[in-house]
Amino acid sequence: MKSHSSLNTLVELTQNQVDEAGRQLQELNSQRENAATQLDTLQNYRQDYAQRLLDAGQTGLSMANYHNFRRFIATLDDAISQQNKIILSLEGKIQEGRQHWHAQQQRLNAYETLIDRRLLEQQRHQQRMDQRASDEIAARLFARSQTAY
């Protein structure tokens, strides 16, 4: 029974690892969603400023204001580029997290399969012992009935 207890301990530890891997994966997905929201905000902001530049250019714009608009749009472009890199990085981490969670889940399934096999083996062993005991009782009863005649 000691190995059965050890397997139960392994199952509990591995289940904790599966749960933790799942929590980490959820956190990464949340971070990725937040980063995507920030990217959308930056892109909308950039589009808005590009439209403002076009509108201001049609009504007349000083060179200094034009350069300020262009510099700010370039800053937004840099921020968008950074945000895209962050999203790519998070997507890589999410993929690694999925693989880690899957590996832990497979490990947990393997331990649970071992426990199931052990229990099945114990049940079969108990059934054989019960069958032997039943056969012995039947043989004794048969032997008694044969000697009684």
C-alpha atoms as a PDB file:
ATOM      1  CA  MET A   1       0.000   0.000   0.000  1.00  0.00           C
ATOM      2  CA  LYS A   2       2.969   2.335   0.442  1.00  0.00           C
ATOM      3  CA  SER A   3       3.401   2.687  -3.330  1.00  0.00           C
ATOM      4  CA  HIS A   4      -0.321   3.439  -3.624  1.00  0.00           C
ATOM      5  CA  SER A   5       0.113   6.229  -1.098  1.00  0.00           C
ATOM      6  CA  SER A   6       3.167   7.470  -2.995  1.00  0.00           C
ATOM      7  CA  LEU A   7       1.182   7.524  -6.222  1.00  0.00           C
ATOM      8  CA  ASN A   8      -1.589   9.482  -4.539  1.00  0.00           C
ATOM      9  CA  THR A   9       0.989  11.989  -3.335  1.00  0.00           C
ATOM     10  CA  LEU A  10       2.397  12.252  -6.877  1.00  0.00           C
ATOM     11  CA  VAL A  11      -1.108  12.774  -8.242  1.00  0.00           C
ATOM     12  CA  GLU A  12      -1.758  15.566  -5.737  1.00  0.00           C
ATOM     13  CA  LEU A  13       1.557  17.275  -6.496  1.00  0.00           C
ATOM     14  CA  THR A  14       1.067  16.941 -10.234  1.00  0.00           C
ATOM     15  CA  GLN A  15      -2.526  18.218  -9.964  1.00  0.00           C
ATOM     16  CA  ASN A  16      -1.158  21.269  -8.151  1.00  0.00           C
ATOM     17  CA  GLN A  17       1.359  21.743 -10.982  1.00  0.00           C
ATOM     18  CA  VAL A  18      -1.404  21.418 -13.586  1.00  0.00           C
ATOM     19  CA  ASP A  19      -3.498  23.967 -11.715  1.00  0.00           C
ATOM     20  CA  GLU A  20      -0.556  26.363 -11.420  1.00  0.00           C
ATOM     21  CA  ALA A  21       0.276  25.971 -15.112  1.00  0.00           C
ATOM     22  CA  GLY A  22      -3.362  26.725 -15.902  1.00  0.00           C
ATOM     23  CA  ARG A  23      -3.316  29.853 -13.733  1.00  0.00           C
ATOM     24  CA  GLN A  24      -0.119  31.043 -15.415  1.00  0.00           C
ATOM     25  CA  LEU A  25      -1.651  30.413 -18.825  1.00  0.00           C
ATOM     26  CA  GLN A  26      -4.733  32.425 -17.869  1.00  0.00           C
ATOM     27  CA  GLU A  27      -2.520  35.254 -16.661  1.00  0.00           C
ATOM     28  CA  LEU A  28      -0.577  35.257 -19.937  1.00  0.00           C
ATOM     29  CA  ASN A  29      -3.825  35.282 -21.927  1.00  0.00           C
ATOM     30  CA  SER A  30      -5.046  38.205 -19.842  1.00  0.00           C
ATOM     31  CA  GLN A  31      -1.796  40.085 -20.444  1.00  0.00           C
ATOM     32  CA  ARG A  32      -2.085  39.382 -24.169  1.00  0.00           C
ATOM     33  CA  GLU A  33      -5.664  40.706 -24.242  1.00  0.00           C
ATOM     34  CA  ASN A  34      -4.575  43.848 -22.393  1.00  0.00           C
ATOM     35  CA  ALA A  35      -1.679  44.339 -24.792  1.00  0.00           C
ATOM     36  CA  ALA A  36      -4.014  43.900 -27.773  1.00  0.00           C
ATOM     37  CA  THR A  37      -6.397  46.478 -26.280  1.00  0.00           C
ATOM     38  CA  GLN A  38      -3.503  48.895 -25.829  1.00  0.00           C
ATOM     39  CA  LEU A  39      -2.413  48.255 -29.413  1.00  0.00           C
ATOM     40  CA  ASP A  40      -5.920  49.021 -30.684  1.00  0.00           C
ATOM     41  CA  THR A  41      -5.950  52.220 -28.645  1.00  0.00           C
ATOM     42  CA  LEU A  42      -2.577  53.283 -30.041  1.00  0.00           C
ATOM     43  CA  GLN A  43      -3.632  52.492 -33.600  1.00  0.00           C
ATOM     44  CA  ASN A  44      -6.873  54.441 -33.203  1.00  0.00           C
ATOM     45  CA  TYR A  45      -4.974  57.334 -31.668  1.00  0.00           C
ATOM     46  CA  ARG A  46      -2.491  57.295 -34.550  1.00  0.00           C
ATOM     47  CA  GLN A  47      -5.269  57.178 -37.114  1.00  0.00           C
ATOM     48  CA  ASP A  48      -6.983  60.087 -35.366  1.00  0.00           C
ATOM     49  CA  TYR A  49      -3.799  62.162 -35.380  1.00  0.00           C
ATOM     50  CA  ALA A  50      -3.077  61.313 -39.011  1.00  0.00           C
ATOM     51  CA  GLN A  51      -6.579  62.532 -39.880  1.00  0.00           C
ATOM     52  CA  ARG A  52      -6.017  65.695 -37.837  1.00  0.00           C
ATOM     53  CA  LEU A  53      -2.802  66.301 -39.780  1.00  0.00           C
ATOM     54  CA  LEU A  54      -4.651  65.906 -43.076  1.00  0.00           C
ATOM     55  CA  ASP A  55      -7.443  68.206 -41.935  1.00  0.00           C
ATOM     56  CA  ALA A  56      -4.971  70.802 -40.654  1.00  0.00           C
ATOM     57  CA  GLY A  57      -2.972  70.542 -43.868  1.00  0.00           C
ATOM     58  CA  GLN A  58      -6.039  71.437 -45.939  1.00  0.00           C
ATOM     59  CA  THR A  59      -6.759  74.556 -43.899  1.00  0.00           C
ATOM     60  CA  GLY A  60      -3.149  75.649 -43.674  1.00  0.00           C
ATOM     61  CA  LEU A  61      -0.519  74.617 -41.193  1.00  0.00           C
ATOM     62  CA  SER A  62       2.717  76.178 -40.037  1.00  0.00           C
ATOM     63  CA  MET A  63       5.910  74.227 -40.597  1.00  0.00           C
ATOM     64  CA  ALA A  64       6.496  73.947 -36.836  1.00  0.00           C
ATOM     65  CA  ASN A  65       3.039  72.497 -36.271  1.00  0.00           C
ATOM     66  CA  TYR A  66       3.530  70.134 -39.199  1.00  0.00           C
ATOM     67  CA  HIS A  67       6.807  68.857 -37.696  1.00  0.00           C
ATOM     68  CA  ASN A  68       5.156  68.488 -34.283  1.00  0.00           C
ATOM     69  CA  PHE A  69       2.368  66.415 -35.823  1.00  0.00           C
ATOM     70  CA  ARG A  70       4.876  64.263 -37.731  1.00  0.00           C
ATOM     71  CA  ARG A  71       7.054  63.776 -34.646  1.00  0.00           C
ATOM     72  CA  PHE A  72       4.082  62.773 -32.527  1.00  0.00           C
ATOM     73  CA  ILE A  73       2.854  60.340 -35.198  1.00  0.00           C
ATOM     74  CA  ALA A  74       6.374  58.866 -35.394  1.00  0.00           C
ATOM     75  CA  THR A  75       6.303  58.437 -31.616  1.00  0.00           C
ATOM     76  CA  LEU A  76       2.982  56.651 -31.929  1.00  0.00           C
ATOM     77  CA  ASP A  77       4.435  54.455 -34.668  1.00  0.00           C
ATOM     78  CA  ASP A  78       7.289  53.500 -32.334  1.00  0.00           C
ATOM     79  CA  ALA A  79       4.834  52.729 -29.539  1.00  0.00           C
ATOM     80  CA  ILE A  80       2.769  50.589 -31.939  1.00  0.00           C
ATOM     81  CA  SER A  81       5.891  48.731 -32.995  1.00  0.00           C
ATOM     82  CA  GLN A  82       6.834  48.113 -29.347  1.00  0.00           C
ATOM     83  CA  GLN A  83       3.321  46.926 -28.568  1.00  0.00           C
ATOM     84  CA  ASN A  84       3.457  44.491 -31.494  1.00  0.00           C
ATOM     85  CA  LYS A  85       6.719  43.098 -30.120  1.00  0.00           C
ATOM     86  CA  ILE A  86       5.147  42.704 -26.691  1.00  0.00           C
ATOM     87  CA  ILE A  87       2.202  40.840 -28.207  1.00  0.00           C
ATOM     88  CA  LEU A  88       4.516  38.528 -30.173  1.00  0.00           C
ATOM     89  CA  SER A  89       6.511  37.838 -27.021  1.00  0.00           C
ATOM     90  CA  LEU A  90       3.342  37.068 -25.069  1.00  0.00           C
ATOM     91  CA  GLU A  91       2.084  34.785 -27.823  1.00  0.00           C
ATOM     92  CA  GLY A  92       5.354  32.835 -27.609  1.00  0.00           C
ATOM     93  CA  LYS A  93       5.000  32.584 -23.842  1.00  0.00           C
ATOM     94  CA  ILE A  94       1.392  31.470 -24.233  1.00  0.00           C
ATOM     95  CA  GLN A  95       2.477  28.717 -26.608  1.00  0.00           C
ATOM     96  CA  GLU A  96       5.143  27.592 -24.138  1.00  0.00           C
ATOM     97  CA  GLY A  97       2.582  27.763 -21.336  1.00  0.00           C
ATOM     98  CA  ARG A  98       0.178  25.574 -23.299  1.00  0.00           C
ATOM     99  CA  GLN A  99       2.911  23.024 -23.909  1.00  0.00           C
ATOM    100  CA  HIS A 100       3.872  23.058 -20.226  1.00  0.00           C
ATOM    101  CA  TRP A 101       0.237  22.657 -19.137  1.00  0.00           C
ATOM    102  CA  HIS A 102      -0.260  19.842 -21.630  1.00  0.00           C
ATOM    103  CA  ALA A 103       2.883  18.047 -20.420  1.00  0.00           C
ATOM    104  CA  GLN A 104       1.753  18.343 -16.805  1.00  0.00           C
ATOM    105  CA  GLN A 105      -1.708  17.090 -17.751  1.00  0.00           C
ATOM    106  CA  GLN A 106      -0.215  14.075 -19.528  1.00  0.00           C
ATOM    107  CA  ARG A 107       1.915  13.348 -16.477  1.00  0.00           C
ATOM    108  CA  LEU A 108      -1.151  13.547 -14.240  1.00  0.00           C
ATOM    109  CA  ASN A 109      -3.060  11.226 -16.566  1.00  0.00           C
ATOM    110  CA  ALA A 110      -0.186   8.733 -16.458  1.00  0.00           C
ATOM    111  CA  TYR A 111      -0.193   8.685 -12.653  1.00  0.00           C
ATOM    112  CA  GLU A 112      -3.960   8.315 -12.554  1.00  0.00           C
ATOM    113  CA  THR A 113      -3.723   5.441 -15.031  1.00  0.00           C
ATOM    114  CA  LEU A 114      -1.174   3.734 -12.788  1.00  0.00           C
ATOM    115  CA  ILE A 115      -3.489   4.093  -9.809  1.00  0.00           C
ATOM    116  CA  ASP A 116      -6.413   2.726 -11.834  1.00  0.00           C
ATOM    117  CA  ARG A 117      -4.319  -0.250 -12.938  1.00  0.00           C
ATOM    118  CA  ARG A 118      -3.216  -0.932  -9.367  1.00  0.00           C
ATOM    119  CA  LEU A 119      -6.788  -0.811  -8.138  1.00  0.00           C
ATOM    120  CA  LEU A 120      -7.893  -3.119 -10.942  1.00  0.00           C
ATOM    121  CA  GLU A 121      -5.040  -5.491 -10.115  1.00  0.00           C
ATOM    122  CA  GLN A 122      -6.037  -5.476  -6.445  1.00  0.00           C
ATOM    123  CA  GLN A 123      -9.662  -6.150  -7.383  1.00  0.00           C
ATOM    124  CA  ARG A 124      -8.652  -9.061  -9.601  1.00  0.00           C
ATOM    125  CA  HIS A 125      -6.430 -10.445  -6.871  1.00  0.00           C
ATOM    126  CA  GLN A 126      -9.287 -10.164  -4.358  1.00  0.00           C
ATOM    127  CA  GLN A 127     -11.673 -11.838  -6.819  1.00  0.00           C
ATOM    128  CA  ARG A 128      -9.216 -14.710  -7.316  1.00  0.00           C
ATOM    129  CA  MET A 129      -8.844 -15.139  -3.559  1.00  0.00           C
ATOM    130  CA  ASP A 130     -12.623 -15.069  -3.147  1.00  0.00           C
ATOM    131  CA  GLN A 131     -12.988 -17.594  -5.978  1.00  0.00           C
ATOM    132  CA  ARG A 132     -10.377 -19.886  -4.405  1.00  0.00           C
ATOM    133  CA  ALA A 133     -12.103 -19.675  -1.044  1.00  0.00           C
ATOM    134  CA  SER A 134     -15.418 -20.404  -2.711  1.00  0.00           C
ATOM    135  CA  ASP A 135     -13.881 -23.320  -4.632  1.00  0.00           C
ATOM    136  CA  GLU A 136     -12.372 -24.729  -1.437  1.00  0.00           C
ATOM    137  CA  ILE A 137     -15.712 -24.504   0.346  1.00  0.00           C
ATOM    138  CA  ALA A 138     -17.439 -26.148  -2.607  1.00  0.00           C
ATOM    139  CA  ALA A 139     -14.765 -28.884  -2.725  1.00  0.00           C
ATOM    140  CA  ARG A 140     -15.138 -29.591   1.004  1.00  0.00           C
ATOM    141  CA  LEU A 141     -18.904 -29.710   0.731  1.00  0.00           C
ATOM    142  CA  PHE A 142     -18.594 -32.038  -2.231  1.00  0.00           C
ATOM    143  CA  ALA A 143     -16.088 -34.215  -0.371  1.00  0.00           C
ATOM    144  CA  ARG A 144     -18.413 -34.390   2.659  1.00  0.00           C
ATOM    145  CA  SER A 145     -21.369 -35.253   0.475  1.00  0.00           C
ATOM    146  CA  GLN A 146     -19.346 -38.045  -1.196  1.00  0.00           C
ATOM    147  CA  THR A 147     -18.235 -39.539   2.127  1.00  0.00           C
ATOM    148  CA  ALA A 148     -21.766 -39.411   3.510  1.00  0.00           C
ATOM    149  CA  TYR A 149     -23.053 -41.910   0.949  1.00  0.00           C
END
